[in-house]
Amino acid sequence: ALEITTRCGDTNKRDRVDKPIGYA
């Protein structure tokens, strides 16, 4: 899976915490 983070502060937890857990 490839992800490019957004620059929106609202997505910080989703991009850096939730997605790695979900993909794993």
mmCIF file of all heavy atoms, coordinates in Angstrom:
data_MODEL
# 
_entry.id   MODEL 
# 
loop_
_atom_site.group_PDB 
_atom_site.id 
_atom_site.type_symbol 
_atom_site.label_atom_id 
_atom_site.label_alt_id 
_atom_site.label_comp_id 
_atom_site.label_asym_id 
_atom_site.label_entity_id 
_atom_site.label_seq_id 
_atom_site.pdbx_PDB_ins_code 
_atom_site.Cartn_x 
_atom_site.Cartn_y 
_atom_site.Cartn_z 
_atom_site.occupancy 
_atom_site.B_iso_or_equiv 
_atom_site.pdbx_formal_charge 
_atom_site.auth_seq_id 
_atom_site.auth_comp_id 
_atom_site.auth_asym_id 
_atom_site.auth_atom_id 
_atom_site.pdbx_PDB_model_num 
ATOM 1   N N   . ALA A 1 1  ? 0.875   -1.170 0.000  1.00 0.00 ? 1  ALA A N   1 
ATOM 2   C CA  . ALA A 1 1  ? 0.000   0.000  0.000  1.00 0.00 ? 1  ALA A CA  1 
ATOM 3   C C   . ALA A 1 1  ? 0.912   1.220  0.000  1.00 0.00 ? 1  ALA A C   1 
ATOM 4   O O   . ALA A 1 1  ? 1.962   1.219  0.644  1.00 0.00 ? 1  ALA A O   1 
ATOM 5   C CB  . ALA A 1 1  ? -0.891  0.013  1.235  1.00 0.00 ? 1  ALA A CB  1 
ATOM 6   N N   . LEU A 1 2  ? 0.533   2.253  -0.721 1.00 0.00 ? 2  LEU A N   1 
ATOM 7   C CA  . LEU A 1 2  ? 1.295   3.497  -0.799 1.00 0.00 ? 2  LEU A CA  1 
ATOM 8   C C   . LEU A 1 2  ? 0.390   4.631  -0.391 1.00 0.00 ? 2  LEU A C   1 
ATOM 9   O O   . LEU A 1 2  ? -0.744  4.734  -0.866 1.00 0.00 ? 2  LEU A O   1 
ATOM 10  C CB  . LEU A 1 2  ? 1.811   3.722  -2.219 1.00 0.00 ? 2  LEU A CB  1 
ATOM 11  C CG  . LEU A 1 2  ? 2.386   5.101  -2.502 1.00 0.00 ? 2  LEU A CG  1 
ATOM 12  C CD1 . LEU A 1 2  ? 3.728   5.268  -1.805 1.00 0.00 ? 2  LEU A CD1 1 
ATOM 13  C CD2 . LEU A 1 2  ? 2.534   5.323  -3.992 1.00 0.00 ? 2  LEU A CD2 1 
ATOM 14  N N   . GLU A 1 3  ? 0.893   5.474  0.481  1.00 0.00 ? 3  GLU A N   1 
ATOM 15  C CA  . GLU A 1 3  ? 0.103   6.602  0.978  1.00 0.00 ? 3  GLU A CA  1 
ATOM 16  C C   . GLU A 1 3  ? 0.945   7.869  0.934  1.00 0.00 ? 3  GLU A C   1 
ATOM 17  O O   . GLU A 1 3  ? 2.123   7.848  1.298  1.00 0.00 ? 3  GLU A O   1 
ATOM 18  C CB  . GLU A 1 3  ? -0.294  6.306  2.426  1.00 0.00 ? 3  GLU A CB  1 
ATOM 19  C CG  . GLU A 1 3  ? -1.378  7.170  2.957  1.00 0.00 ? 3  GLU A CG  1 
ATOM 20  C CD  . GLU A 1 3  ? -2.750  6.617  2.603  1.00 0.00 ? 3  GLU A CD  1 
ATOM 21  O OE1 . GLU A 1 3  ? -2.950  5.411  2.649  1.00 0.00 ? 3  GLU A OE1 1 
ATOM 22  O OE2 . GLU A 1 3  ? -3.617  7.444  2.282  1.00 0.00 ? 3  GLU A OE2 1 
ATOM 23  N N   . ILE A 1 4  ? 0.355   8.953  0.483  1.00 0.00 ? 4  ILE A N   1 
ATOM 24  C CA  . ILE A 1 4  ? 0.979   10.273 0.560  1.00 0.00 ? 4  ILE A CA  1 
ATOM 25  C C   . ILE A 1 4  ? 0.153   11.061 1.563  1.00 0.00 ? 4  ILE A C   1 
ATOM 26  O O   . ILE A 1 4  ? -1.057  11.221 1.394  1.00 0.00 ? 4  ILE A O   1 
ATOM 27  C CB  . ILE A 1 4  ? 1.004   10.976 -0.809 1.00 0.00 ? 4  ILE A CB  1 
ATOM 28  C CG1 . ILE A 1 4  ? 1.791   10.125 -1.807 1.00 0.00 ? 4  ILE A CG1 1 
ATOM 29  C CG2 . ILE A 1 4  ? 1.592   12.377 -0.672 1.00 0.00 ? 4  ILE A CG2 1 
ATOM 30  C CD1 . ILE A 1 4  ? 1.713   10.610 -3.241 1.00 0.00 ? 4  ILE A CD1 1 
ATOM 31  N N   . THR A 1 5  ? 0.803   11.517 2.641  1.00 0.00 ? 5  THR A N   1 
ATOM 32  C CA  . THR A 1 5  ? 0.057   12.201 3.691  1.00 0.00 ? 5  THR A CA  1 
ATOM 33  C C   . THR A 1 5  ? -0.500  13.524 3.193  1.00 0.00 ? 5  THR A C   1 
ATOM 34  O O   . THR A 1 5  ? 0.051   14.156 2.295  1.00 0.00 ? 5  THR A O   1 
ATOM 35  C CB  . THR A 1 5  ? 0.938   12.468 4.928  1.00 0.00 ? 5  THR A CB  1 
ATOM 36  O OG1 . THR A 1 5  ? 2.004   13.339 4.562  1.00 0.00 ? 5  THR A OG1 1 
ATOM 37  C CG2 . THR A 1 5  ? 1.472   11.186 5.516  1.00 0.00 ? 5  THR A CG2 1 
ATOM 38  N N   . THR A 1 6  ? -1.590  13.932 3.816  1.00 0.00 ? 6  THR A N   1 
ATOM 39  C CA  . THR A 1 6  ? -2.172  15.230 3.518  1.00 0.00 ? 6  THR A CA  1 
ATOM 40  C C   . THR A 1 6  ? -1.549  16.262 4.443  1.00 0.00 ? 6  THR A C   1 
ATOM 41  O O   . THR A 1 6  ? -0.873  15.918 5.411  1.00 0.00 ? 6  THR A O   1 
ATOM 42  C CB  . THR A 1 6  ? -3.692  15.203 3.737  1.00 0.00 ? 6  THR A CB  1 
ATOM 43  O OG1 . THR A 1 6  ? -3.937  14.934 5.113  1.00 0.00 ? 6  THR A OG1 1 
ATOM 44  C CG2 . THR A 1 6  ? -4.361  14.161 2.875  1.00 0.00 ? 6  THR A CG2 1 
ATOM 45  N N   . ARG A 1 7  ? -1.784  17.495 4.169  1.00 0.00 ? 7  ARG A N   1 
ATOM 46  C CA  . ARG A 1 7  ? -1.262  18.561 5.019  1.00 0.00 ? 7  ARG A CA  1 
ATOM 47  C C   . ARG A 1 7  ? -2.346  19.127 5.925  1.00 0.00 ? 7  ARG A C   1 
ATOM 48  O O   . ARG A 1 7  ? -2.229  20.208 6.452  1.00 0.00 ? 7  ARG A O   1 
ATOM 49  C CB  . ARG A 1 7  ? -0.654  19.656 4.163  1.00 0.00 ? 7  ARG A CB  1 
ATOM 50  C CG  . ARG A 1 7  ? 0.594   19.145 3.462  1.00 0.00 ? 7  ARG A CG  1 
ATOM 51  C CD  . ARG A 1 7  ? 1.418   20.236 2.915  1.00 0.00 ? 7  ARG A CD  1 
ATOM 52  N NE  . ARG A 1 7  ? 2.650   19.636 2.391  1.00 0.00 ? 7  ARG A NE  1 
ATOM 53  C CZ  . ARG A 1 7  ? 3.521   20.264 1.691  1.00 0.00 ? 7  ARG A CZ  1 
ATOM 54  N NH1 . ARG A 1 7  ? 3.345   21.530 1.410  1.00 0.00 ? 7  ARG A NH1 1 
ATOM 55  N NH2 . ARG A 1 7  ? 4.595   19.661 1.257  1.00 0.00 ? 7  ARG A NH2 1 
ATOM 56  N N   . CYS A 1 8  ? -3.367  18.356 6.115  1.00 0.00 ? 8  CYS A N   1 
ATOM 57  C CA  . CYS A 1 8  ? -4.498  18.766 6.957  1.00 0.00 ? 8  CYS A CA  1 
ATOM 58  C C   . CYS A 1 8  ? -4.288  18.209 8.361  1.00 0.00 ? 8  CYS A C   1 
ATOM 59  O O   . CYS A 1 8  ? -4.094  17.011 8.541  1.00 0.00 ? 8  CYS A O   1 
ATOM 60  C CB  . CYS A 1 8  ? -5.793  18.222 6.355  1.00 0.00 ? 8  CYS A CB  1 
ATOM 61  S SG  . CYS A 1 8  ? -7.247  18.588 7.329  1.00 0.00 ? 8  CYS A SG  1 
ATOM 62  N N   . GLY A 1 9  ? -4.308  19.060 9.364  1.00 0.00 ? 9  GLY A N   1 
ATOM 63  C CA  . GLY A 1 9  ? -4.093  18.643 10.737 1.00 0.00 ? 9  GLY A CA  1 
ATOM 64  C C   . GLY A 1 9  ? -5.107  17.629 11.235 1.00 0.00 ? 9  GLY A C   1 
ATOM 65  O O   . GLY A 1 9  ? -4.822  16.844 12.138 1.00 0.00 ? 9  GLY A O   1 
ATOM 66  N N   . ASP A 1 10 ? -6.304  17.627 10.652 1.00 0.00 ? 10 ASP A N   1 
ATOM 67  C CA  . ASP A 1 10 ? -7.351  16.707 11.084 1.00 0.00 ? 10 ASP A CA  1 
ATOM 68  C C   . ASP A 1 10 ? -7.027  15.254 10.748 1.00 0.00 ? 10 ASP A C   1 
ATOM 69  O O   . ASP A 1 10 ? -7.618  14.346 11.307 1.00 0.00 ? 10 ASP A O   1 
ATOM 70  C CB  . ASP A 1 10 ? -8.687  17.070 10.438 1.00 0.00 ? 10 ASP A CB  1 
ATOM 71  C CG  . ASP A 1 10 ? -9.225  18.395 10.931 1.00 0.00 ? 10 ASP A CG  1 
ATOM 72  O OD1 . ASP A 1 10 ? -8.736  18.894 11.964 1.00 0.00 ? 10 ASP A OD1 1 
ATOM 73  O OD2 . ASP A 1 10 ? -10.130 18.938 10.278 1.00 0.00 ? 10 ASP A OD2 1 
ATOM 74  N N   . THR A 1 11 ? -6.106  15.031 9.818  1.00 0.00 ? 11 THR A N   1 
ATOM 75  C CA  . THR A 1 11 ? -5.811  13.666 9.389  1.00 0.00 ? 11 THR A CA  1 
ATOM 76  C C   . THR A 1 11 ? -4.536  13.109 10.012 1.00 0.00 ? 11 THR A C   1 
ATOM 77  O O   . THR A 1 11 ? -4.146  11.994 9.711  1.00 0.00 ? 11 THR A O   1 
ATOM 78  C CB  . THR A 1 11 ? -5.684  13.594 7.857  1.00 0.00 ? 11 THR A CB  1 
ATOM 79  O OG1 . THR A 1 11 ? -4.570  14.383 7.451  1.00 0.00 ? 11 THR A OG1 1 
ATOM 80  C CG2 . THR A 1 11 ? -6.953  14.059 7.175  1.00 0.00 ? 11 THR A CG2 1 
ATOM 81  N N   . ASN A 1 12 ? -3.894  13.863 10.890 1.00 0.00 ? 12 ASN A N   1 
ATOM 82  C CA  . ASN A 1 12 ? -2.624  13.437 11.466 1.00 0.00 ? 12 ASN A CA  1 
ATOM 83  C C   . ASN A 1 12 ? -2.705  12.052 12.107 1.00 0.00 ? 12 ASN A C   1 
ATOM 84  O O   . ASN A 1 12 ? -1.902  11.179 11.812 1.00 0.00 ? 12 ASN A O   1 
ATOM 85  C CB  . ASN A 1 12 ? -2.122  14.458 12.485 1.00 0.00 ? 12 ASN A CB  1 
ATOM 86  C CG  . ASN A 1 12 ? -0.743  14.120 12.985 1.00 0.00 ? 12 ASN A CG  1 
ATOM 87  O OD1 . ASN A 1 12 ? 0.182   13.931 12.205 1.00 0.00 ? 12 ASN A OD1 1 
ATOM 88  N ND2 . ASN A 1 12 ? -0.594  14.035 14.295 1.00 0.00 ? 12 ASN A ND2 1 
ATOM 89  N N   . LYS A 1 13 ? -3.671  11.838 12.987 1.00 0.00 ? 13 LYS A N   1 
ATOM 90  C CA  . LYS A 1 13 ? -3.806  10.541 13.656 1.00 0.00 ? 13 LYS A CA  1 
ATOM 91  C C   . LYS A 1 13 ? -4.122  9.444  12.645 1.00 0.00 ? 13 LYS A C   1 
ATOM 92  O O   . LYS A 1 13 ? -3.550  8.358  12.692 1.00 0.00 ? 13 LYS A O   1 
ATOM 93  C CB  . LYS A 1 13 ? -4.890  10.592 14.730 1.00 0.00 ? 13 LYS A CB  1 
ATOM 94  C CG  . LYS A 1 13 ? -5.060  9.265  15.468 1.00 0.00 ? 13 LYS A CG  1 
ATOM 95  C CD  . LYS A 1 13 ? -6.157  9.375  16.530 1.00 0.00 ? 13 LYS A CD  1 
ATOM 96  C CE  . LYS A 1 13 ? -6.391  8.075  17.249 1.00 0.00 ? 13 LYS A CE  1 
ATOM 97  N NZ  . LYS A 1 13 ? -7.049  7.066  16.437 1.00 0.00 ? 13 LYS A NZ  1 
ATOM 98  N N   . ARG A 1 14 ? -5.011  9.729  11.709 1.00 0.00 ? 14 ARG A N   1 
ATOM 99  C CA  . ARG A 1 14 ? -5.383  8.721  10.714 1.00 0.00 ? 14 ARG A CA  1 
ATOM 100 C C   . ARG A 1 14 ? -4.177  8.327  9.858  1.00 0.00 ? 14 ARG A C   1 
ATOM 101 O O   . ARG A 1 14 ? -3.926  7.150  9.630  1.00 0.00 ? 14 ARG A O   1 
ATOM 102 C CB  . ARG A 1 14 ? -6.523  9.227  9.838  1.00 0.00 ? 14 ARG A CB  1 
ATOM 103 C CG  . ARG A 1 14 ? -7.016  8.161  8.867  1.00 0.00 ? 14 ARG A CG  1 
ATOM 104 C CD  . ARG A 1 14 ? -8.210  8.601  8.064  1.00 0.00 ? 14 ARG A CD  1 
ATOM 105 N NE  . ARG A 1 14 ? -7.851  9.726  7.222  1.00 0.00 ? 14 ARG A NE  1 
ATOM 106 C CZ  . ARG A 1 14 ? -8.634  10.760 6.978  1.00 0.00 ? 14 ARG A CZ  1 
ATOM 107 N NH1 . ARG A 1 14 ? -9.814  10.832 7.539  1.00 0.00 ? 14 ARG A NH1 1 
ATOM 108 N NH2 . ARG A 1 14 ? -8.251  11.735 6.187  1.00 0.00 ? 14 ARG A NH2 1 
ATOM 109 N N   . ASP A 1 15 ? -3.405  9.325  9.383  1.00 0.00 ? 15 ASP A N   1 
ATOM 110 C CA  . ASP A 1 15 ? -2.263  9.046  8.507  1.00 0.00 ? 15 ASP A CA  1 
ATOM 111 C C   . ASP A 1 15 ? -1.117  8.356  9.234  1.00 0.00 ? 15 ASP A C   1 
ATOM 112 O O   . ASP A 1 15 ? -0.434  7.511  8.671  1.00 0.00 ? 15 ASP A O   1 
ATOM 113 C CB  . ASP A 1 15 ? -1.727  10.340 7.890  1.00 0.00 ? 15 ASP A CB  1 
ATOM 114 C CG  . ASP A 1 15 ? -2.611  10.891 6.787  1.00 0.00 ? 15 ASP A CG  1 
ATOM 115 O OD1 . ASP A 1 15 ? -3.516  10.167 6.327  1.00 0.00 ? 15 ASP A OD1 1 
ATOM 116 O OD2 . ASP A 1 15 ? -2.391  12.044 6.382  1.00 0.00 ? 15 ASP A OD2 1 
ATOM 117 N N   . ARG A 1 16 ? -0.872  8.727  10.481 1.00 0.00 ? 16 ARG A N   1 
ATOM 118 C CA  . ARG A 1 16 ? 0.349   8.273  11.161 1.00 0.00 ? 16 ARG A CA  1 
ATOM 119 C C   . ARG A 1 16 ? 0.135   7.171  12.198 1.00 0.00 ? 16 ARG A C   1 
ATOM 120 O O   . ARG A 1 16 ? 1.093   6.544  12.617 1.00 0.00 ? 16 ARG A O   1 
ATOM 121 C CB  . ARG A 1 16 ? 1.042   9.473  11.798 1.00 0.00 ? 16 ARG A CB  1 
ATOM 122 C CG  . ARG A 1 16 ? 1.631   10.368 10.728 1.00 0.00 ? 16 ARG A CG  1 
ATOM 123 C CD  . ARG A 1 16 ? 2.148   11.684 11.254 1.00 0.00 ? 16 ARG A CD  1 
ATOM 124 N NE  . ARG A 1 16 ? 2.653   12.492 10.161 1.00 0.00 ? 16 ARG A NE  1 
ATOM 125 C CZ  . ARG A 1 16 ? 1.911   13.166 9.297  1.00 0.00 ? 16 ARG A CZ  1 
ATOM 126 N NH1 . ARG A 1 16 ? 0.598   13.126 9.387  1.00 0.00 ? 16 ARG A NH1 1 
ATOM 127 N NH2 . ARG A 1 16 ? 2.455   13.870 8.332  1.00 0.00 ? 16 ARG A NH2 1 
ATOM 128 N N   . VAL A 1 17 ? -1.117  6.953  12.589 1.00 0.00 ? 17 VAL A N   1 
ATOM 129 C CA  . VAL A 1 17 ? -1.396  5.920  13.590 1.00 0.00 ? 17 VAL A CA  1 
ATOM 130 C C   . VAL A 1 17 ? -2.362  4.872  13.026 1.00 0.00 ? 17 VAL A C   1 
ATOM 131 O O   . VAL A 1 17 ? -2.035  3.685  12.976 1.00 0.00 ? 17 VAL A O   1 
ATOM 132 C CB  . VAL A 1 17 ? -1.975  6.536  14.887 1.00 0.00 ? 17 VAL A CB  1 
ATOM 133 C CG1 . VAL A 1 17 ? -2.332  5.454  15.888 1.00 0.00 ? 17 VAL A CG1 1 
ATOM 134 C CG2 . VAL A 1 17 ? -1.000  7.540  15.489 1.00 0.00 ? 17 VAL A CG2 1 
ATOM 135 N N   . ASP A 1 18 ? -3.531  5.311  12.605 1.00 0.00 ? 18 ASP A N   1 
ATOM 136 C CA  . ASP A 1 18 ? -4.579  4.380  12.202 1.00 0.00 ? 18 ASP A CA  1 
ATOM 137 C C   . ASP A 1 18 ? -4.233  3.567  10.952 1.00 0.00 ? 18 ASP A C   1 
ATOM 138 O O   . ASP A 1 18 ? -4.458  2.358  10.918 1.00 0.00 ? 18 ASP A O   1 
ATOM 139 C CB  . ASP A 1 18 ? -5.897  5.116  11.969 1.00 0.00 ? 18 ASP A CB  1 
ATOM 140 C CG  . ASP A 1 18 ? -6.416  5.804  13.221 1.00 0.00 ? 18 ASP A CG  1 
ATOM 141 O OD1 . ASP A 1 18 ? -5.992  5.412  14.331 1.00 0.00 ? 18 ASP A OD1 1 
ATOM 142 O OD2 . ASP A 1 18 ? -7.231  6.742  13.085 1.00 0.00 ? 18 ASP A OD2 1 
ATOM 143 N N   . LYS A 1 19 ? -3.713  4.224  9.940  1.00 0.00 ? 19 LYS A N   1 
ATOM 144 C CA  . LYS A 1 19 ? -3.451  3.512  8.685  1.00 0.00 ? 19 LYS A CA  1 
ATOM 145 C C   . LYS A 1 19 ? -2.373  2.446  8.814  1.00 0.00 ? 19 LYS A C   1 
ATOM 146 O O   . LYS A 1 19 ? -2.576  1.325  8.329  1.00 0.00 ? 19 LYS A O   1 
ATOM 147 C CB  . LYS A 1 19 ? -3.143  4.499  7.566  1.00 0.00 ? 19 LYS A CB  1 
ATOM 148 C CG  . LYS A 1 19 ? -4.397  5.245  7.128  1.00 0.00 ? 19 LYS A CG  1 
ATOM 149 C CD  . LYS A 1 19 ? -4.133  6.158  5.979  1.00 0.00 ? 19 LYS A CD  1 
ATOM 150 C CE  . LYS A 1 19 ? -5.413  6.867  5.585  1.00 0.00 ? 19 LYS A CE  1 
ATOM 151 N NZ  . LYS A 1 19 ? -5.207  7.762  4.443  1.00 0.00 ? 19 LYS A NZ  1 
ATOM 152 N N   . PRO A 1 20 ? -1.233  2.722  9.462  1.00 0.00 ? 20 PRO A N   1 
ATOM 153 C CA  . PRO A 1 20 ? -0.264  1.631  9.615  1.00 0.00 ? 20 PRO A CA  1 
ATOM 154 C C   . PRO A 1 20 ? -0.841  0.431  10.371 1.00 0.00 ? 20 PRO A C   1 
ATOM 155 O O   . PRO A 1 20 ? -0.562  -0.718 10.023 1.00 0.00 ? 20 PRO A O   1 
ATOM 156 C CB  . PRO A 1 20 ? 0.890   2.267  10.396 1.00 0.00 ? 20 PRO A CB  1 
ATOM 157 C CG  . PRO A 1 20 ? 0.790   3.717  10.106 1.00 0.00 ? 20 PRO A CG  1 
ATOM 158 C CD  . PRO A 1 20 ? -0.684  3.989  9.955  1.00 0.00 ? 20 PRO A CD  1 
ATOM 159 N N   . ILE A 1 21 ? -1.663  0.688  11.366 1.00 0.00 ? 21 ILE A N   1 
ATOM 160 C CA  . ILE A 1 21 ? -2.284  -0.414 12.101 1.00 0.00 ? 21 ILE A CA  1 
ATOM 161 C C   . ILE A 1 21 ? -3.257  -1.166 11.197 1.00 0.00 ? 21 ILE A C   1 
ATOM 162 O O   . ILE A 1 21 ? -3.246  -2.401 11.145 1.00 0.00 ? 21 ILE A O   1 
ATOM 163 C CB  . ILE A 1 21 ? -2.993  0.103  13.372 1.00 0.00 ? 21 ILE A CB  1 
ATOM 164 C CG1 . ILE A 1 21 ? -1.961  0.596  14.388 1.00 0.00 ? 21 ILE A CG1 1 
ATOM 165 C CG2 . ILE A 1 21 ? -3.876  -0.988 13.984 1.00 0.00 ? 21 ILE A CG2 1 
ATOM 166 C CD1 . ILE A 1 21 ? -2.559  1.341  15.574 1.00 0.00 ? 21 ILE A CD1 1 
ATOM 167 N N   . GLY A 1 22 ? -4.070  -0.436 10.469 1.00 0.00 ? 22 GLY A N   1 
ATOM 168 C CA  . GLY A 1 22 ? -5.050  -1.070 9.577  1.00 0.00 ? 22 GLY A CA  1 
ATOM 169 C C   . GLY A 1 22 ? -4.401  -1.912 8.498  1.00 0.00 ? 22 GLY A C   1 
ATOM 170 O O   . GLY A 1 22 ? -4.827  -3.046 8.231  1.00 0.00 ? 22 GLY A O   1 
ATOM 171 N N   . TYR A 1 23 ? -3.356  -1.402 7.873  1.00 0.00 ? 23 TYR A N   1 
ATOM 172 C CA  . TYR A 1 23 ? -2.665  -2.165 6.831  1.00 0.00 ? 23 TYR A CA  1 
ATOM 173 C C   . TYR A 1 23 ? -1.972  -3.390 7.430  1.00 0.00 ? 23 TYR A C   1 
ATOM 174 O O   . TYR A 1 23 ? -1.981  -4.465 6.830  1.00 0.00 ? 23 TYR A O   1 
ATOM 175 C CB  . TYR A 1 23 ? -1.655  -1.298 6.087  1.00 0.00 ? 23 TYR A CB  1 
ATOM 176 C CG  . TYR A 1 23 ? -2.288  -0.207 5.237  1.00 0.00 ? 23 TYR A CG  1 
ATOM 177 C CD1 . TYR A 1 23 ? -1.795  1.087  5.261  1.00 0.00 ? 23 TYR A CD1 1 
ATOM 178 C CD2 . TYR A 1 23 ? -3.370  -0.476 4.412  1.00 0.00 ? 23 TYR A CD2 1 
ATOM 179 C CE1 . TYR A 1 23 ? -2.366  2.091  4.486  1.00 0.00 ? 23 TYR A CE1 1 
ATOM 180 C CE2 . TYR A 1 23 ? -3.948  0.518  3.639  1.00 0.00 ? 23 TYR A CE2 1 
ATOM 181 C CZ  . TYR A 1 23 ? -3.442  1.800  3.678  1.00 0.00 ? 23 TYR A CZ  1 
ATOM 182 O OH  . TYR A 1 23 ? -4.012  2.783  2.907  1.00 0.00 ? 23 TYR A OH  1 
ATOM 183 N N   . ALA A 1 24 ? -1.382  -3.258 8.607  1.00 0.00 ? 24 ALA A N   1 
ATOM 184 C CA  . ALA A 1 24 ? -0.739  -4.407 9.258  1.00 0.00 ? 24 ALA A CA  1 
ATOM 185 C C   . ALA A 1 24 ? -1.786  -5.453 9.645  1.00 0.00 ? 24 ALA A C   1 
ATOM 186 O O   . ALA A 1 24 ? -1.564  -6.654 9.461  1.00 0.00 ? 24 ALA A O   1 
ATOM 187 C CB  . ALA A 1 24 ? 0.058   -3.958 10.477 1.00 0.00 ? 24 ALA A CB  1 
# 
